[in-house]
Amino acid sequence: MFIENFDFLSKDEVLSLIEEKGVVRISIDEKPKNTENFKHLAVVLKEKKDVQLVIYGRDENWVKLEYFKDLVDIEHIEFHLITSPRLDNIDGISNFKSLRTIEFHYIYKRSIDLTELLQCNQLKNIVFEEKLTKKQHLTLEKMENLEYAKLKGLDASLFSNPFINITELVLYSVQNMETFEVIFPNIKRITIYDSNKVKSIDFLIKLKKLEFLNIIGMNSVVQIPDLSNLEKLDSLSYMNMKRVENKILYNESRTKIRIAKVANNSTLNYHA
């Protein structure tokens, strides 16, 4: 269920969400006028956990987390922002002690300080669509319970300690993948987009738990390593890898493969 105009719901309508089957996504796209409804929603959250707060900002930046201070049990918050000025802080995020997922989409200030997120000890899933700064890398490294991350501008060389709980990554514009296999030893699923700075993906052969690999647009890579020893790899897909020329070796009895290699005078080839 997707709810807009939350301000205009009655108390009974808000409380009735307890009975709703499935995920409830509540869209807030302007400064709330009826904050009493968040108190009613707080009652709902005591019994229903799959409620998601989706905060939109399209023009003026109205976003302040203090408006949602009653939602201490919320587990999922998303920011979808195209505002001026850009969102430049998440002050008060530590109020949400049950937070498991936080997502930042579109435009926000790159230098935004993530340190307060370290007080959200239940945080498992994180999405950042702006390029990560060095300081943000260092903050992420302290988020020991992360299981899933979608990140732009990852530089694995900036990390010293492994993320032992992360099993899935979606990465854009990767800067450096040195020591990747050490930093993400338990990774099972990887998707990598538009990362032309990376010249080698030989580290893949060391990811013994890898089950799913999707690579799109790594145009500095000229060779895909032999993946036939990755015994758990079920799905392999690579597209728009213009410079790759070698035959892809993989476990043909187990792995399903999809190729869309786009290059000069080449055609699309799909295998399954």
Protein backbone atom coordinates (compact mmCIF):
# COMPACT_ATOMS: atom_id res chain seq x y z
CA MET A 1 0.00 0.00 0.00
CA PHE A 2 1.24 3.48 -0.92
CA ILE A 3 -0.24 6.37 1.08
CA GLU A 4 -0.16 10.02 0.06
CA ASN A 5 -1.77 12.98 1.84
CA PHE A 6 -1.00 11.41 5.20
CA ASP A 7 -1.86 14.70 6.91
CA PHE A 8 -5.50 14.25 5.99
CA LEU A 9 -6.03 10.76 7.35
CA SER A 10 -8.21 10.43 10.42
CA LYS A 11 -6.96 8.83 13.60
CA ASP A 12 -9.01 5.72 12.87
CA GLU A 13 -7.64 5.48 9.36
CA VAL A 14 -4.06 5.62 10.63
CA LEU A 15 -4.68 3.05 13.35
CA SER A 16 -6.37 0.74 10.85
CA LEU A 17 -2.98 0.27 9.16
CA ILE A 18 -2.23 -2.30 11.85
CA GLU A 19 -4.55 -4.66 9.97
CA GLU A 20 -3.07 -3.95 6.54
CA LYS A 21 -1.40 -6.94 4.91
CA GLY A 22 1.96 -6.34 3.30
CA VAL A 23 4.25 -3.32 3.18
CA VAL A 24 2.83 0.17 3.82
CA ARG A 25 4.77 3.04 2.22
CA ILE A 26 3.89 6.49 3.57
CA SER A 27 4.86 9.36 1.30
CA ILE A 28 5.61 12.77 2.86
CA ASP A 29 6.40 15.48 0.31
CA GLU A 30 6.05 18.66 2.37
CA LYS A 31 6.40 19.90 5.92
CA PRO A 32 3.80 17.98 7.96
CA LYS A 33 0.82 19.98 9.15
CA ASN A 34 -0.79 17.30 11.28
CA THR A 35 1.94 15.90 13.51
CA GLU A 36 -0.68 14.14 15.65
CA ASN A 37 -0.91 11.52 12.93
CA PHE A 38 2.70 10.53 13.59
CA LYS A 39 1.76 9.80 17.20
CA HIS A 40 -1.00 7.53 15.93
CA LEU A 41 1.45 5.92 13.50
CA ALA A 42 3.82 5.30 16.42
CA VAL A 43 1.10 3.10 17.93
CA VAL A 44 0.86 1.18 14.65
CA LEU A 45 4.62 0.61 14.61
CA LYS A 46 4.45 -1.19 17.93
CA GLU A 47 2.58 -4.00 16.18
CA LYS A 48 3.35 -3.62 12.47
CA LYS A 49 6.98 -3.43 11.41
CA ASP A 50 6.73 -3.30 7.61
CA VAL A 51 5.93 0.41 7.42
CA GLN A 52 8.23 2.56 5.31
CA LEU A 53 8.64 6.34 5.57
CA VAL A 54 9.35 7.86 2.16
CA ILE A 55 10.42 11.52 2.31
CA TYR A 56 10.28 13.56 -0.90
CA GLY A 57 11.75 16.98 -1.53
CA ARG A 58 11.38 18.51 -4.98
CA ASP A 59 11.95 22.24 -4.58
CA GLU A 60 12.43 23.88 -1.20
CA ASN A 61 14.37 21.84 1.32
CA TRP A 62 11.84 21.41 4.13
CA VAL A 63 13.28 18.17 5.53
CA LYS A 64 13.94 18.00 9.27
CA LEU A 65 13.91 14.69 11.09
CA GLU A 66 12.45 16.31 14.20
CA TYR A 67 9.07 16.27 12.44
CA PHE A 68 9.14 12.47 12.72
CA LYS A 69 10.51 12.17 16.25
CA ASP A 70 7.56 10.07 17.44
CA LEU A 71 8.42 7.26 15.00
CA VAL A 72 11.13 5.73 17.17
CA ASP A 73 10.20 2.22 15.99
CA ILE A 74 10.35 2.92 12.26
CA GLU A 75 12.64 0.44 10.49
CA HIS A 76 12.81 1.90 6.99
CA ILE A 77 13.41 5.51 5.87
CA GLU A 78 14.01 6.77 2.33
CA PHE A 79 15.00 10.24 1.13
CA HIS A 80 14.16 11.16 -2.48
CA LEU A 81 15.48 14.67 -2.88
CA ILE A 82 15.81 17.28 -5.59
CA THR A 83 15.89 20.38 -3.42
CA SER A 84 17.63 23.71 -3.11
CA PRO A 85 19.46 24.02 -0.87
CA ARG A 86 20.51 20.39 -0.74
CA LEU A 87 19.96 18.27 2.34
CA ASP A 88 23.13 18.77 4.38
CA ASN A 89 22.49 16.90 7.63
CA ILE A 90 20.65 13.99 9.18
CA ASP A 91 20.54 15.45 12.67
CA GLY A 92 18.27 13.34 14.84
CA ILE A 93 18.61 10.10 12.89
CA SER A 94 19.85 8.37 16.04
CA ASN A 95 16.35 8.79 17.46
CA PHE A 96 15.26 5.87 15.28
CA LYS A 97 16.78 3.04 17.29
CA SER A 98 15.02 0.32 15.29
CA LEU A 99 16.19 1.62 11.91
CA ARG A 100 17.25 -1.24 9.63
CA THR A 101 17.22 0.46 6.22
CA ILE A 102 18.14 3.98 5.12
CA GLU A 103 18.22 5.17 1.51
CA PHE A 104 19.45 8.45 0.02
CA HIS A 105 18.31 8.97 -3.57
CA TYR A 106 18.97 11.68 -6.12
CA ILE A 107 20.59 14.88 -4.86
CA TYR A 108 21.90 15.73 -1.39
CA LYS A 109 25.06 17.43 -0.20
CA ARG A 110 28.02 15.12 -0.78
CA SER A 111 29.70 16.19 2.44
CA ILE A 112 26.71 15.15 4.55
CA ASP A 113 27.94 13.76 7.88
CA LEU A 114 26.90 10.14 8.42
CA THR A 115 28.46 9.75 11.85
CA GLU A 116 25.17 9.81 13.76
CA LEU A 117 24.09 6.69 11.87
CA LEU A 118 26.59 4.76 13.98
CA GLN A 119 24.12 5.03 16.85
CA CYS A 120 21.55 3.07 14.81
CA ASN A 121 22.80 -0.34 15.88
CA GLN A 122 20.15 -2.29 13.96
CA LEU A 123 21.09 -0.82 10.58
CA LYS A 124 21.40 -3.56 7.95
CA ASN A 125 20.79 -1.91 4.57
CA ILE A 126 22.11 1.35 3.17
CA VAL A 127 21.81 3.21 -0.15
CA PHE A 128 23.86 6.26 -1.21
CA GLU A 129 23.47 7.60 -4.74
CA GLU A 130 25.99 10.44 -4.42
CA LYS A 131 29.71 9.66 -4.69
CA LEU A 132 31.17 8.70 -1.33
CA THR A 133 33.76 10.93 0.30
CA LYS A 134 36.79 9.59 2.17
CA LYS A 135 35.19 10.54 5.50
CA GLN A 136 32.02 8.67 4.58
CA HIS A 137 34.09 5.59 3.73
CA LEU A 138 35.60 5.71 7.20
CA THR A 139 32.17 6.03 8.78
CA LEU A 140 30.78 3.14 6.75
CA GLU A 141 33.63 0.95 7.95
CA LYS A 142 32.28 1.24 11.49
CA MET A 143 28.82 -0.04 10.49
CA GLU A 144 29.58 -3.61 11.46
CA ASN A 145 26.06 -4.99 11.02
CA LEU A 146 25.55 -4.00 7.38
CA GLU A 147 24.28 -6.80 5.13
CA TYR A 148 23.41 -4.88 1.94
CA ALA A 149 24.82 -1.70 0.42
CA LYS A 150 24.18 0.26 -2.77
CA LEU A 151 27.02 2.74 -3.19
CA LYS A 152 28.54 5.16 -5.68
CA GLY A 153 32.27 5.81 -5.83
CA LEU A 154 33.46 2.92 -3.67
CA ASP A 155 37.20 2.84 -3.00
CA ALA A 156 37.90 -0.49 -1.31
CA SER A 157 41.49 0.56 -0.55
CA LEU A 158 40.18 3.06 2.02
CA PHE A 159 38.89 0.27 4.25
CA SER A 160 41.09 -1.51 6.77
CA ASN A 161 38.58 -3.89 8.34
CA PRO A 162 36.34 -6.42 6.60
CA PHE A 163 32.57 -6.18 6.34
CA ILE A 164 31.93 -9.74 7.45
CA ASN A 165 28.12 -9.46 7.30
CA ILE A 166 27.70 -7.87 3.87
CA THR A 167 26.43 -10.44 1.38
CA GLU A 168 25.14 -8.16 -1.39
CA LEU A 169 26.54 -5.05 -3.09
CA VAL A 170 25.28 -2.82 -5.89
CA LEU A 171 28.08 -0.48 -7.00
CA TYR A 172 28.29 2.50 -9.35
CA SER A 173 31.39 4.33 -10.55
CA VAL A 174 33.79 2.22 -8.49
CA GLN A 175 37.11 3.97 -7.93
CA ASN A 176 39.28 1.12 -6.68
CA MET A 177 38.71 -2.58 -6.01
CA GLU A 178 42.10 -3.43 -4.50
CA THR A 179 41.76 -5.86 -1.57
CA PHE A 180 38.05 -6.25 -2.41
CA GLU A 181 38.11 -9.97 -1.60
CA VAL A 182 39.58 -9.19 1.84
CA ILE A 183 37.15 -6.40 2.67
CA PHE A 184 34.05 -8.32 1.50
CA PRO A 185 34.92 -11.96 2.25
CA ASN A 186 31.34 -13.24 2.46
CA ILE A 187 29.85 -11.55 -0.57
CA LYS A 188 27.23 -13.58 -2.45
CA ARG A 189 25.74 -11.09 -4.90
CA ILE A 190 27.49 -8.26 -6.79
CA THR A 191 26.21 -5.82 -9.40
CA ILE A 192 28.69 -3.30 -10.81
CA TYR A 193 27.70 -0.42 -13.12
CA ASP A 194 29.74 2.06 -15.16
CA SER A 195 33.10 1.66 -13.47
CA ASN A 196 35.70 2.48 -16.08
CA LYS A 197 38.47 3.20 -13.58
CA VAL A 198 38.69 -0.47 -12.66
CA LYS A 199 41.14 -2.28 -14.98
CA SER A 200 41.16 -5.76 -13.44
CA ILE A 201 38.49 -7.98 -11.90
CA ASP A 202 40.81 -10.89 -11.13
CA PHE A 203 39.75 -10.64 -7.48
CA LEU A 204 36.52 -12.39 -8.46
CA ILE A 205 38.17 -15.82 -8.43
CA LYS A 206 38.76 -15.43 -4.68
CA LEU A 207 35.08 -14.85 -3.85
CA LYS A 208 34.26 -18.46 -3.07
CA LYS A 209 30.75 -17.70 -1.82
CA LEU A 210 29.70 -15.74 -4.89
CA GLU A 211 26.31 -16.80 -6.28
CA PHE A 212 25.34 -13.87 -8.54
CA LEU A 213 27.50 -11.58 -10.67
CA ASN A 214 26.21 -8.79 -12.89
CA ILE A 215 28.67 -6.41 -14.59
CA ILE A 216 27.58 -3.54 -16.82
CA GLY A 217 29.95 -1.08 -18.44
CA MET A 218 33.48 -1.69 -17.12
CA ASN A 219 35.20 -0.61 -20.29
CA SER A 220 38.77 -0.67 -18.99
CA VAL A 221 38.57 -4.40 -18.29
CA VAL A 222 40.07 -6.48 -21.09
CA GLN A 223 39.82 -9.94 -19.56
CA ILE A 224 37.34 -11.76 -17.38
CA PRO A 225 39.14 -14.31 -15.19
CA ASP A 226 38.41 -18.02 -15.14
CA LEU A 227 35.30 -18.37 -12.96
CA SER A 228 34.92 -22.12 -13.30
CA ASN A 229 36.13 -22.75 -9.73
CA LEU A 230 33.37 -20.61 -8.21
CA GLU A 231 31.25 -23.58 -7.25
CA LYS A 232 28.31 -21.54 -5.94
CA LEU A 233 28.02 -19.16 -8.90
CA ASP A 234 24.49 -19.63 -10.29
CA SER A 235 24.13 -16.51 -12.42
CA LEU A 236 26.66 -14.57 -14.49
CA SER A 237 25.77 -11.55 -16.63
CA TYR A 238 27.96 -9.01 -18.32
CA MET A 239 26.94 -6.25 -20.69
CA ASN A 240 28.65 -3.42 -22.52
CA MET A 241 32.15 -4.70 -21.79
CA LYS A 242 33.59 -3.33 -25.00
CA ARG A 243 37.20 -4.43 -24.59
CA VAL A 244 36.73 -7.99 -23.32
CA GLU A 245 37.92 -10.48 -25.91
CA ASN A 246 38.68 -13.72 -24.05
CA LYS A 247 36.36 -16.68 -23.88
CA ILE A 248 34.48 -16.68 -20.58
CA LEU A 249 35.24 -19.78 -18.52
CA TYR A 250 32.65 -20.82 -15.96
CA ASN A 251 31.00 -23.91 -14.51
CA GLU A 252 28.66 -24.75 -17.38
CA SER A 253 26.80 -27.40 -15.39
CA ARG A 254 25.75 -24.88 -12.76
CA THR A 255 26.05 -21.29 -13.94
CA LYS A 256 23.50 -19.56 -16.16
CA ILE A 257 25.12 -16.88 -18.29
CA ARG A 258 23.78 -13.85 -20.10
CA ILE A 259 26.04 -11.79 -22.35
CA ALA A 260 25.34 -8.56 -24.15
CA LYS A 261 28.76 -7.52 -25.34
CA VAL A 262 28.46 -4.24 -27.20
CA ALA A 263 31.49 -3.22 -29.25
CA ASN A 264 32.36 -2.07 -32.72
CA ASN A 265 31.04 -4.53 -35.33
CA SER A 266 29.80 -6.91 -32.64
CA THR A 267 26.37 -8.38 -32.02
CA LEU A 268 24.41 -9.22 -28.92
CA ASN A 269 24.78 -12.77 -27.68
CA TYR A 270 22.64 -14.39 -25.02
CA HIS A 271 23.31 -17.75 -23.40
CA ALA A 272 21.27 -19.53 -20.78
